[in-house]
Amino acid sequence: MRGLGDHLSIGERIAFYRERRGYTQPVLAGLVGHRTDWLSKIERGVRKPGLDPRPGS
């Protein structure tokens, strides 16, 4: 991903490319078959307690 650098989280990258394509959260969420609140949480990096896949978490 040229130009973005490695400092962006996955959610920030999703938001960047979503906005770049001109999609709103409801539109992109519908395209991937999820609700808008799900996409919002992904973009903000919100995690459910106990479901963190990282080792040692």
Protein backbone atom coordinates (compact mmCIF):
# COMPACT_ATOMS: atom_id res chain seq x y z
CA MET A 1 0.00 0.00 0.00
CA ARG A 2 2.11 2.79 -1.28
CA GLY A 3 1.77 6.14 0.45
CA LEU A 4 -0.11 5.01 3.54
CA GLY A 5 2.78 3.78 5.62
CA ASP A 6 2.65 1.14 8.28
CA HIS A 7 1.25 3.38 10.99
CA LEU A 8 -2.43 2.86 10.09
CA SER A 9 -4.48 0.13 11.72
CA ILE A 10 -6.61 -2.22 9.64
CA GLY A 11 -9.72 -0.23 10.56
CA GLU A 12 -8.09 3.05 9.55
CA ARG A 13 -7.09 1.53 6.22
CA ILE A 14 -10.64 0.33 5.62
CA ALA A 15 -11.99 3.80 6.39
CA PHE A 16 -9.36 5.41 4.14
CA TYR A 17 -10.19 3.26 1.13
CA ARG A 18 -13.94 3.41 1.80
CA GLU A 19 -13.83 7.21 1.76
CA ARG A 20 -11.50 7.22 -1.25
CA ARG A 21 -14.10 5.21 -3.19
CA GLY A 22 -16.86 7.55 -2.04
CA TYR A 23 -18.73 4.90 -0.04
CA THR A 24 -20.61 5.66 3.15
CA GLN A 25 -20.49 3.20 6.02
CA PRO A 26 -24.05 1.97 5.33
CA VAL A 27 -23.21 1.32 1.67
CA LEU A 28 -19.99 -0.60 2.37
CA ALA A 29 -21.57 -2.52 5.25
CA GLY A 30 -24.37 -3.59 2.92
CA LEU A 31 -21.91 -4.67 0.25
CA VAL A 32 -20.09 -6.97 2.68
CA GLY A 33 -23.29 -8.23 4.31
CA HIS A 34 -22.95 -6.64 7.75
CA ARG A 35 -24.63 -3.90 9.75
CA THR A 36 -23.36 -0.32 9.86
CA ASP A 37 -22.55 -0.52 13.57
CA TRP A 38 -20.30 -3.54 12.88
CA LEU A 39 -18.31 -1.61 10.25
CA SER A 40 -18.09 1.41 12.53
CA LYS A 41 -16.59 -0.73 15.30
CA ILE A 42 -14.11 -2.28 12.88
CA GLU A 43 -12.97 1.13 11.65
CA ARG A 44 -12.62 2.42 15.23
CA GLY A 45 -10.79 -0.69 16.42
CA VAL A 46 -13.38 -1.66 19.04
CA ARG A 47 -13.01 -5.25 20.23
CA LYS A 48 -15.32 -7.46 22.23
CA PRO A 49 -13.85 -8.50 25.58
CA GLY A 50 -12.51 -12.04 25.55
CA LEU A 51 -12.31 -12.28 21.75
CA ASP A 52 -8.87 -10.78 21.23
CA PRO A 53 -6.90 -13.15 18.94
CA ARG A 54 -3.52 -11.67 19.89
CA PRO A 55 -1.27 -13.91 21.99
CA GLY A 56 -0.99 -12.89 25.63
CA SER A 57 -4.17 -10.83 25.57
